[in-house]
Amino acid sequence: MNVVLIGMPGAGKTSAGKLLATISGRTFFDTDEALAAQFGAIGTIFKERGEAFFRAEENKLCRAVGAQDGLVVATGGGTLLNGENAAILKKNGKLIYLRATYATLLSRLTGENARPLLEGDLAGNLRRLIEDRATIYAKFADITVDTDGLTVREVAEKLFEVQA
């Protein structure tokens, strides 16, 4: 069984996921990092190949990851836009939604350049993404963990408690 972290960019999926993997003795896997290692920076993939290419490759990666066991998986913020990805990851995983408020996400993302869908008007684009995605995350989540006001260690410890 895998632990699959879902949620908005800035929710803490990667940072808390890495620590959870260490605490739980699992292997950490970040879908965005894997795609960047294969195709280059996420922003570059979006600009040069388009979002459709990125999402198709993301789907292939979800299939490969979903067939494995014993992972902590940090998904990209848009992974569950394709409901097939959610079904694939749920077959062998518990989906945990790391939820954070708009204010928390905005404070964590200020200065970030590797978030192609947030470029330009960060505040407005973030608000739009939350409106578009929050119900999707809630729909597919087995568990929701609020990350507002928590350190990475506190989030990882909460995840450790609820992952079993």
N, C-alpha and C. Protein backbone atom coordinates (compact mmCIF):
# COMPACT_ATOMS: atom_id res chain seq x y z
N MET A 1 0.85 -1.18 0.00
CA MET A 1 0.00 0.00 0.00
C MET A 1 0.89 1.24 0.00
N ASN A 2 0.52 2.20 -0.82
CA ASN A 2 1.22 3.49 -0.90
C ASN A 2 0.46 4.56 -0.13
N VAL A 3 1.17 5.57 0.29
CA VAL A 3 0.58 6.79 0.85
C VAL A 3 0.74 7.84 -0.24
N VAL A 4 -0.37 8.37 -0.73
CA VAL A 4 -0.35 9.30 -1.85
C VAL A 4 -0.83 10.66 -1.36
N LEU A 5 0.05 11.64 -1.45
CA LEU A 5 -0.26 12.99 -0.98
C LEU A 5 -0.78 13.82 -2.14
N ILE A 6 -1.94 14.43 -1.91
CA ILE A 6 -2.57 15.26 -2.93
C ILE A 6 -2.83 16.63 -2.35
N GLY A 7 -2.97 17.63 -3.21
CA GLY A 7 -3.29 18.96 -2.74
C GLY A 7 -2.64 20.02 -3.60
N MET A 8 -2.88 21.26 -3.21
CA MET A 8 -2.41 22.41 -3.95
C MET A 8 -0.89 22.54 -3.88
N PRO A 9 -0.31 23.22 -4.89
CA PRO A 9 1.10 23.59 -4.76
C PRO A 9 1.27 24.42 -3.48
N GLY A 10 2.30 24.09 -2.72
CA GLY A 10 2.55 24.81 -1.47
C GLY A 10 1.91 24.18 -0.25
N ALA A 11 1.15 23.11 -0.43
CA ALA A 11 0.49 22.47 0.71
C ALA A 11 1.46 21.67 1.57
N GLY A 12 2.62 21.31 1.01
CA GLY A 12 3.62 20.57 1.78
C GLY A 12 3.80 19.13 1.35
N LYS A 13 3.30 18.77 0.19
CA LYS A 13 3.35 17.37 -0.25
C LYS A 13 4.78 16.84 -0.32
N THR A 14 5.67 17.60 -0.93
CA THR A 14 7.05 17.15 -1.09
C THR A 14 7.82 17.19 0.22
N SER A 15 7.80 18.30 0.90
CA SER A 15 8.60 18.42 2.12
C SER A 15 8.11 17.47 3.22
N ALA A 16 6.81 17.43 3.45
CA ALA A 16 6.28 16.51 4.47
C ALA A 16 6.39 15.07 4.01
N GLY A 17 6.22 14.85 2.70
CA GLY A 17 6.32 13.50 2.16
C GLY A 17 7.70 12.90 2.34
N LYS A 18 8.73 13.69 2.12
CA LYS A 18 10.11 13.20 2.31
C LYS A 18 10.34 12.80 3.77
N LEU A 19 9.87 13.63 4.68
CA LEU A 19 10.04 13.33 6.10
C LEU A 19 9.19 12.12 6.50
N LEU A 20 7.99 12.03 6.00
CA LEU A 20 7.15 10.86 6.29
C LEU A 20 7.82 9.58 5.81
N ALA A 21 8.41 9.62 4.63
CA ALA A 21 9.10 8.43 4.10
C ALA A 21 10.22 8.01 5.05
N THR A 22 10.97 8.97 5.55
CA THR A 22 12.05 8.66 6.49
C THR A 22 11.50 8.06 7.78
N ILE A 23 10.47 8.69 8.32
CA ILE A 23 9.87 8.23 9.58
C ILE A 23 9.27 6.83 9.44
N SER A 24 8.63 6.57 8.30
CA SER A 24 7.88 5.32 8.13
C SER A 24 8.68 4.21 7.45
N GLY A 25 9.89 4.52 7.00
CA GLY A 25 10.70 3.51 6.33
C GLY A 25 10.24 3.19 4.92
N ARG A 26 9.50 4.10 4.33
CA ARG A 26 9.03 3.93 2.96
C ARG A 26 9.97 4.66 2.00
N THR A 27 9.79 4.43 0.73
CA THR A 27 10.54 5.13 -0.30
C THR A 27 9.73 6.33 -0.76
N PHE A 28 10.39 7.48 -0.88
CA PHE A 28 9.71 8.69 -1.33
C PHE A 28 9.79 8.79 -2.85
N PHE A 29 8.66 9.22 -3.46
CA PHE A 29 8.61 9.42 -4.90
C PHE A 29 7.78 10.66 -5.19
N ASP A 30 8.35 11.60 -5.93
CA ASP A 30 7.67 12.84 -6.28
C ASP A 30 7.42 12.82 -7.78
N THR A 31 6.16 12.88 -8.18
CA THR A 31 5.84 12.77 -9.61
C THR A 31 6.39 13.95 -10.40
N ASP A 32 6.31 15.16 -9.86
CA ASP A 32 6.86 16.31 -10.58
C ASP A 32 8.38 16.21 -10.72
N GLU A 33 9.06 15.77 -9.66
CA GLU A 33 10.52 15.60 -9.74
C GLU A 33 10.89 14.56 -10.78
N ALA A 34 10.13 13.47 -10.84
CA ALA A 34 10.41 12.42 -11.83
C ALA A 34 10.21 12.93 -13.25
N LEU A 35 9.15 13.69 -13.47
CA LEU A 35 8.90 14.24 -14.81
C LEU A 35 9.96 15.27 -15.18
N ALA A 36 10.39 16.07 -14.21
CA ALA A 36 11.43 17.07 -14.47
C ALA A 36 12.75 16.38 -14.79
N ALA A 37 13.04 15.29 -14.10
CA ALA A 37 14.28 14.56 -14.37
C ALA A 37 14.28 13.99 -15.78
N GLN A 38 13.12 13.60 -16.26
CA GLN A 38 13.02 12.99 -17.59
C GLN A 38 12.94 14.02 -18.71
N PHE A 39 12.21 15.13 -18.48
CA PHE A 39 11.92 16.07 -19.57
C PHE A 39 12.43 17.49 -19.36
N GLY A 40 12.98 17.80 -18.20
CA GLY A 40 13.41 19.15 -17.90
C GLY A 40 12.44 19.84 -16.96
N ALA A 41 12.77 21.04 -16.60
CA ALA A 41 11.97 21.79 -15.62
C ALA A 41 10.49 21.81 -16.03
N ILE A 42 9.62 21.74 -15.03
CA ILE A 42 8.18 21.69 -15.29
C ILE A 42 7.74 22.91 -16.11
N GLY A 43 8.23 24.08 -15.75
CA GLY A 43 7.88 25.29 -16.50
C GLY A 43 8.30 25.19 -17.96
N THR A 44 9.45 24.60 -18.20
CA THR A 44 9.94 24.43 -19.57
C THR A 44 9.08 23.43 -20.33
N ILE A 45 8.68 22.36 -19.66
CA ILE A 45 7.80 21.37 -20.31
C ILE A 45 6.51 22.05 -20.75
N PHE A 46 5.90 22.82 -19.87
CA PHE A 46 4.65 23.51 -20.19
C PHE A 46 4.84 24.46 -21.36
N LYS A 47 5.94 25.22 -21.35
CA LYS A 47 6.18 26.22 -22.40
C LYS A 47 6.52 25.58 -23.73
N GLU A 48 7.36 24.55 -23.72
CA GLU A 48 7.86 23.98 -24.97
C GLU A 48 6.98 22.86 -25.52
N ARG A 49 6.35 22.09 -24.65
CA ARG A 49 5.57 20.94 -25.11
C ARG A 49 4.09 21.05 -24.81
N GLY A 50 3.72 21.94 -23.88
CA GLY A 50 2.32 22.16 -23.57
C GLY A 50 1.82 21.34 -22.40
N GLU A 51 0.72 21.81 -21.84
CA GLU A 51 0.14 21.12 -20.68
C GLU A 51 -0.39 19.75 -21.06
N ALA A 52 -0.94 19.58 -22.26
CA ALA A 52 -1.48 18.28 -22.67
C ALA A 52 -0.39 17.20 -22.66
N PHE A 53 0.80 17.56 -23.17
CA PHE A 53 1.93 16.61 -23.15
C PHE A 53 2.27 16.25 -21.71
N PHE A 54 2.38 17.27 -20.86
CA PHE A 54 2.72 17.05 -19.46
C PHE A 54 1.71 16.12 -18.79
N ARG A 55 0.43 16.37 -19.00
CA ARG A 55 -0.62 15.56 -18.36
C ARG A 55 -0.61 14.12 -18.87
N ALA A 56 -0.30 13.92 -20.15
CA ALA A 56 -0.21 12.56 -20.70
C ALA A 56 0.95 11.80 -20.06
N GLU A 57 2.08 12.46 -19.91
CA GLU A 57 3.24 11.83 -19.28
C GLU A 57 2.98 11.57 -17.79
N GLU A 58 2.27 12.49 -17.17
CA GLU A 58 1.90 12.33 -15.77
C GLU A 58 1.02 11.09 -15.59
N ASN A 59 0.11 10.87 -16.53
CA ASN A 59 -0.75 9.69 -16.48
C ASN A 59 0.06 8.40 -16.61
N LYS A 60 1.02 8.38 -17.51
CA LYS A 60 1.89 7.20 -17.64
C LYS A 60 2.65 6.94 -16.34
N LEU A 61 3.12 8.01 -15.73
CA LEU A 61 3.86 7.88 -14.48
C LEU A 61 2.96 7.37 -13.37
N CYS A 62 1.72 7.83 -13.30
CA CYS A 62 0.78 7.34 -12.28
C CYS A 62 0.54 5.85 -12.44
N ARG A 63 0.47 5.38 -13.67
CA ARG A 63 0.30 3.95 -13.91
C ARG A 63 1.48 3.15 -13.34
N ALA A 64 2.68 3.66 -13.58
CA ALA A 64 3.88 2.97 -13.09
C ALA A 64 3.96 3.02 -11.57
N VAL A 65 3.69 4.17 -10.99
CA VAL A 65 3.75 4.33 -9.54
C VAL A 65 2.65 3.52 -8.86
N GLY A 66 1.47 3.53 -9.44
CA GLY A 66 0.35 2.80 -8.86
C GLY A 66 0.56 1.30 -8.80
N ALA A 67 1.47 0.79 -9.61
CA ALA A 67 1.77 -0.65 -9.62
C ALA A 67 2.81 -1.02 -8.56
N GLN A 68 3.39 -0.02 -7.92
CA GLN A 68 4.41 -0.28 -6.90
C GLN A 68 3.79 -0.31 -5.52
N ASP A 69 4.61 -0.65 -4.54
CA ASP A 69 4.11 -0.77 -3.17
C ASP A 69 5.14 -0.18 -2.21
N GLY A 70 4.66 0.36 -1.09
CA GLY A 70 5.55 0.84 -0.05
C GLY A 70 6.11 2.23 -0.30
N LEU A 71 5.41 3.03 -1.09
CA LEU A 71 5.89 4.37 -1.42
C LEU A 71 5.12 5.45 -0.66
N VAL A 72 5.78 6.58 -0.48
CA VAL A 72 5.11 7.83 -0.15
C VAL A 72 5.21 8.63 -1.44
N VAL A 73 4.08 8.94 -2.04
CA VAL A 73 4.04 9.61 -3.33
C VAL A 73 3.53 11.04 -3.16
N ALA A 74 4.35 12.00 -3.59
CA ALA A 74 3.90 13.40 -3.65
C ALA A 74 3.48 13.64 -5.09
N THR A 75 2.21 13.94 -5.28
CA THR A 75 1.70 14.19 -6.63
C THR A 75 1.80 15.66 -6.96
N GLY A 76 1.79 15.96 -8.24
CA GLY A 76 1.70 17.35 -8.67
C GLY A 76 0.31 17.89 -8.34
N GLY A 77 0.20 19.19 -8.22
CA GLY A 77 -1.07 19.81 -7.85
C GLY A 77 -2.21 19.50 -8.80
N GLY A 78 -1.89 19.25 -10.07
CA GLY A 78 -2.93 18.99 -11.07
C GLY A 78 -3.13 17.54 -11.43
N THR A 79 -2.45 16.64 -10.75
CA THR A 79 -2.50 15.22 -11.09
C THR A 79 -3.93 14.68 -11.11
N LEU A 80 -4.75 15.08 -10.16
CA LEU A 80 -6.10 14.52 -10.05
C LEU A 80 -7.11 15.20 -10.97
N LEU A 81 -6.66 16.15 -11.77
CA LEU A 81 -7.56 16.72 -12.77
C LEU A 81 -8.02 15.64 -13.73
N ASN A 82 -7.18 14.64 -13.90
CA ASN A 82 -7.53 13.45 -14.67
C ASN A 82 -8.03 12.41 -13.67
N GLY A 83 -9.32 12.17 -13.64
CA GLY A 83 -9.90 11.23 -12.69
C GLY A 83 -9.33 9.83 -12.81
N GLU A 84 -8.84 9.48 -13.98
CA GLU A 84 -8.21 8.18 -14.16
C GLU A 84 -6.98 8.05 -13.26
N ASN A 85 -6.23 9.14 -13.10
CA ASN A 85 -5.06 9.11 -12.21
C ASN A 85 -5.48 8.80 -10.79
N ALA A 86 -6.57 9.40 -10.34
CA ALA A 86 -7.05 9.14 -8.99
C ALA A 86 -7.40 7.66 -8.83
N ALA A 87 -8.11 7.10 -9.80
CA ALA A 87 -8.50 5.69 -9.72
C ALA A 87 -7.27 4.78 -9.70
N ILE A 88 -6.29 5.10 -10.51
CA ILE A 88 -5.06 4.31 -10.57
C ILE A 88 -4.34 4.35 -9.23
N LEU A 89 -4.20 5.55 -8.67
CA LEU A 89 -3.46 5.71 -7.42
C LEU A 89 -4.22 5.14 -6.23
N LYS A 90 -5.55 5.14 -6.29
CA LYS A 90 -6.37 4.59 -5.20
C LYS A 90 -6.33 3.06 -5.14
N LYS A 91 -6.07 2.41 -6.28
CA LYS A 91 -6.06 0.95 -6.29
C LYS A 91 -5.07 0.38 -5.28
N ASN A 92 -3.94 1.03 -5.12
CA ASN A 92 -2.91 0.54 -4.22
C ASN A 92 -2.41 1.65 -3.31
N GLY A 93 -3.29 2.60 -3.00
CA GLY A 93 -2.84 3.71 -2.18
C GLY A 93 -3.95 4.37 -1.40
N LYS A 94 -3.55 5.00 -0.32
CA LYS A 94 -4.44 5.82 0.48
C LYS A 94 -4.15 7.26 0.09
N LEU A 95 -5.15 7.98 -0.42
CA LEU A 95 -4.97 9.36 -0.84
C LEU A 95 -5.24 10.30 0.33
N ILE A 96 -4.23 11.09 0.67
CA ILE A 96 -4.33 12.02 1.78
C ILE A 96 -4.21 13.44 1.23
N TYR A 97 -5.25 14.21 1.45
CA TYR A 97 -5.34 15.59 0.99
C TYR A 97 -4.69 16.49 2.01
N LEU A 98 -3.59 17.14 1.62
CA LEU A 98 -2.97 18.15 2.46
C LEU A 98 -3.64 19.47 2.11
N ARG A 99 -4.46 19.95 3.03
CA ARG A 99 -5.26 21.14 2.78
C ARG A 99 -4.66 22.34 3.52
N ALA A 100 -4.63 23.46 2.81
CA ALA A 100 -4.15 24.71 3.40
C ALA A 100 -5.03 25.84 2.88
N THR A 101 -5.15 26.88 3.66
CA THR A 101 -5.95 28.03 3.25
C THR A 101 -5.22 28.83 2.18
N TYR A 102 -5.97 29.68 1.52
CA TYR A 102 -5.41 30.57 0.51
C TYR A 102 -4.24 31.38 1.08
N ALA A 103 -4.42 31.96 2.26
CA ALA A 103 -3.38 32.80 2.87
C ALA A 103 -2.11 32.00 3.12
N THR A 104 -2.25 30.79 3.62
CA THR A 104 -1.08 29.95 3.88
C THR A 104 -0.37 29.60 2.57
N LEU A 105 -1.13 29.17 1.58
CA LEU A 105 -0.53 28.82 0.29
C LEU A 105 0.18 30.01 -0.33
N LEU A 106 -0.46 31.16 -0.30
CA LEU A 106 0.14 32.36 -0.88
C LEU A 106 1.47 32.70 -0.19
N SER A 107 1.50 32.58 1.12
CA SER A 107 2.75 32.89 1.84
C SER A 107 3.85 31.88 1.51
N ARG A 108 3.49 30.63 1.28
CA ARG A 108 4.49 29.60 0.97
C ARG A 108 4.98 29.69 -0.47
N LEU A 109 4.17 30.22 -1.36
CA LEU A 109 4.51 30.23 -2.78
C LEU A 109 5.14 31.53 -3.26
N THR A 110 5.11 32.55 -2.45
CA THR A 110 5.68 33.84 -2.86
C THR A 110 7.15 33.64 -3.23
N GLY A 111 7.51 34.09 -4.43
CA GLY A 111 8.88 33.96 -4.91
C GLY A 111 9.16 32.68 -5.68
N GLU A 112 8.21 31.76 -5.70
CA GLU A 112 8.41 30.51 -6.45
C GLU A 112 8.32 30.78 -7.95
N ASN A 113 9.23 30.14 -8.70
CA ASN A 113 9.22 30.31 -10.15
C ASN A 113 8.86 29.02 -10.88
N ALA A 114 8.86 27.89 -10.18
CA ALA A 114 8.67 26.61 -10.83
C ALA A 114 7.21 26.17 -10.88
N ARG A 115 6.29 27.08 -10.77
CA ARG A 115 4.87 26.76 -10.77
C ARG A 115 4.23 27.40 -12.00
N PRO A 116 4.27 26.73 -13.13
CA PRO A 116 3.85 27.38 -14.38
C PRO A 116 2.43 27.90 -14.40
N LEU A 117 1.51 27.25 -13.74
CA LEU A 117 0.12 27.71 -13.77
C LEU A 117 -0.13 28.88 -12.82
N LEU A 118 0.89 29.24 -12.04
CA LEU A 118 0.74 30.35 -11.10
C LEU A 118 1.53 31.58 -11.54
N GLU A 119 2.24 31.48 -12.65
CA GLU A 119 3.05 32.60 -13.12
C GLU A 119 2.17 33.81 -13.43
N GLY A 120 2.78 34.98 -13.31
CA GLY A 120 2.04 36.22 -13.58
C GLY A 120 1.35 36.69 -12.32
N ASP A 121 0.05 36.64 -12.30
CA ASP A 121 -0.74 37.08 -11.16
C ASP A 121 -0.86 35.94 -10.16
N LEU A 122 0.15 35.80 -9.31
CA LEU A 122 0.18 34.68 -8.36
C LEU A 122 -1.09 34.63 -7.52
N ALA A 123 -1.47 35.75 -6.92
CA ALA A 123 -2.63 35.78 -6.03
C ALA A 123 -3.90 35.37 -6.77
N GLY A 124 -4.14 35.96 -7.92
CA GLY A 124 -5.35 35.64 -8.69
C GLY A 124 -5.34 34.23 -9.23
N ASN A 125 -4.20 33.80 -9.75
CA ASN A 125 -4.11 32.44 -10.30
C ASN A 125 -4.25 31.38 -9.22
N LEU A 126 -3.68 31.67 -8.04
CA LEU A 126 -3.81 30.74 -6.92
C LEU A 126 -5.26 30.62 -6.49
N ARG A 127 -5.95 31.75 -6.39
CA ARG A 127 -7.36 31.73 -6.00
C ARG A 127 -8.18 30.90 -7.00
N ARG A 128 -7.90 31.08 -8.29
CA ARG A 128 -8.61 30.34 -9.34
C ARG A 128 -8.32 28.83 -9.23
N LEU A 129 -7.05 28.47 -9.00
CA LEU A 129 -6.70 27.05 -8.87
C LEU A 129 -7.39 26.41 -7.67
N ILE A 130 -7.43 27.13 -6.57
CA ILE A 130 -8.12 26.60 -5.38
C ILE A 130 -9.60 26.36 -5.70
N GLU A 131 -10.23 27.33 -6.34
CA GLU A 131 -11.64 27.17 -6.72
C GLU A 131 -11.85 25.98 -7.64
N ASP A 132 -10.92 25.77 -8.56
CA ASP A 132 -11.03 24.68 -9.53
C ASP A 132 -10.74 23.31 -8.93
N ARG A 133 -9.85 23.27 -7.94
CA ARG A 133 -9.31 21.98 -7.50
C ARG A 133 -9.74 21.49 -6.13
N ALA A 134 -10.12 22.37 -5.23
CA ALA A 134 -10.41 21.95 -3.85
C ALA A 134 -11.47 20.86 -3.79
N THR A 135 -12.52 20.97 -4.59
CA THR A 135 -13.56 19.94 -4.56
C THR A 135 -13.07 18.62 -5.15
N ILE A 136 -12.15 18.70 -6.10
CA ILE A 136 -11.58 17.48 -6.69
C ILE A 136 -10.77 16.74 -5.63
N TYR A 137 -9.90 17.48 -4.92
CA TYR A 137 -9.10 16.84 -3.87
C TYR A 137 -10.00 16.21 -2.81
N ALA A 138 -11.01 16.97 -2.37
CA ALA A 138 -11.91 16.46 -1.34
C ALA A 138 -12.66 15.22 -1.82
N LYS A 139 -13.04 15.20 -3.08
CA LYS A 139 -13.78 14.08 -3.65
C LYS A 139 -12.97 12.78 -3.60
N PHE A 140 -11.69 12.86 -3.92
CA PHE A 140 -10.87 11.66 -4.03
C PHE A 140 -10.13 11.30 -2.74
N ALA A 141 -10.08 12.22 -1.79
CA ALA A 141 -9.30 11.99 -0.56
C ALA A 141 -9.92 10.92 0.32
N ASP A 142 -9.07 10.05 0.84
CA ASP A 142 -9.49 9.11 1.88
C ASP A 142 -9.42 9.80 3.24
N ILE A 143 -8.47 10.72 3.37
CA ILE A 143 -8.23 11.44 4.61
C ILE A 143 -7.82 12.87 4.25
N THR A 144 -8.20 13.83 5.07
CA THR A 144 -7.76 15.22 4.88
C THR A 144 -6.98 15.65 6.11
N VAL A 145 -5.82 16.27 5.86
CA VAL A 145 -4.98 16.81 6.93
C VAL A 145 -4.79 18.29 6.66
N ASP A 146 -5.20 19.12 7.61
CA ASP A 146 -5.00 20.56 7.49
C ASP A 146 -3.57 20.90 7.90
N THR A 147 -2.89 21.71 7.07
CA THR A 147 -1.48 22.01 7.31
C THR A 147 -1.24 23.44 7.79
N ASP A 148 -2.28 24.25 7.88
CA ASP A 148 -2.11 25.63 8.34
C ASP A 148 -1.48 25.67 9.72
N GLY A 149 -0.46 26.50 9.86
CA GLY A 149 0.15 26.71 11.16
C GLY A 149 1.03 25.57 11.65
N LEU A 150 1.22 24.55 10.83
CA LEU A 150 2.04 23.41 11.24
C LEU A 150 3.40 23.45 10.57
N THR A 151 4.41 22.96 11.28
CA THR A 151 5.73 22.80 10.69
C THR A 151 5.72 21.56 9.81
N VAL A 152 6.75 21.41 9.02
CA VAL A 152 6.87 20.21 8.18
C VAL A 152 6.88 18.96 9.06
N ARG A 153 7.61 19.01 10.15
CA ARG A 153 7.68 17.86 11.06
C ARG A 153 6.29 17.54 11.63
N GLU A 154 5.54 18.56 12.02
CA GLU A 154 4.20 18.33 12.57
C GLU A 154 3.27 17.72 11.53
N VAL A 155 3.37 18.17 10.29
CA VAL A 155 2.56 17.58 9.22
C VAL A 155 2.97 16.12 9.01
N ALA A 156 4.26 15.85 8.94
CA ALA A 156 4.74 14.48 8.74
C ALA A 156 4.28 13.57 9.88
N GLU A 157 4.32 14.06 11.10
CA GLU A 157 3.87 13.27 12.24
C GLU A 157 2.37 12.97 12.17
N LYS A 158 1.59 13.97 11.76
CA LYS A 158 0.15 13.74 11.57
C LYS A 158 -0.08 12.68 10.49
N LEU A 159 0.68 12.79 9.40
CA LEU A 159 0.55 11.83 8.31
C LEU A 159 0.91 10.42 8.79
N PHE A 160 1.93 10.33 9.60
CA PHE A 160 2.34 9.03 10.13
C PHE A 160 1.22 8.41 10.96
N GLU A 161 0.54 9.24 11.73
CA GLU A 161 -0.57 8.76 12.57
C GLU A 161 -1.74 8.25 11.74
N VAL A 162 -2.04 8.94 10.64
CA VAL A 162 -3.24 8.60 9.86
C VAL A 162 -2.98 7.64 8.71
N GLN A 163 -1.74 7.38 8.38
CA GLN A 163 -1.43 6.56 7.20
C GLN A 163 -1.75 5.09 7.38
N ALA A 164 -1.72 4.60 8.60
CA ALA A 164 -1.90 3.16 8.83
C ALA A 164 -3.32 2.70 8.54
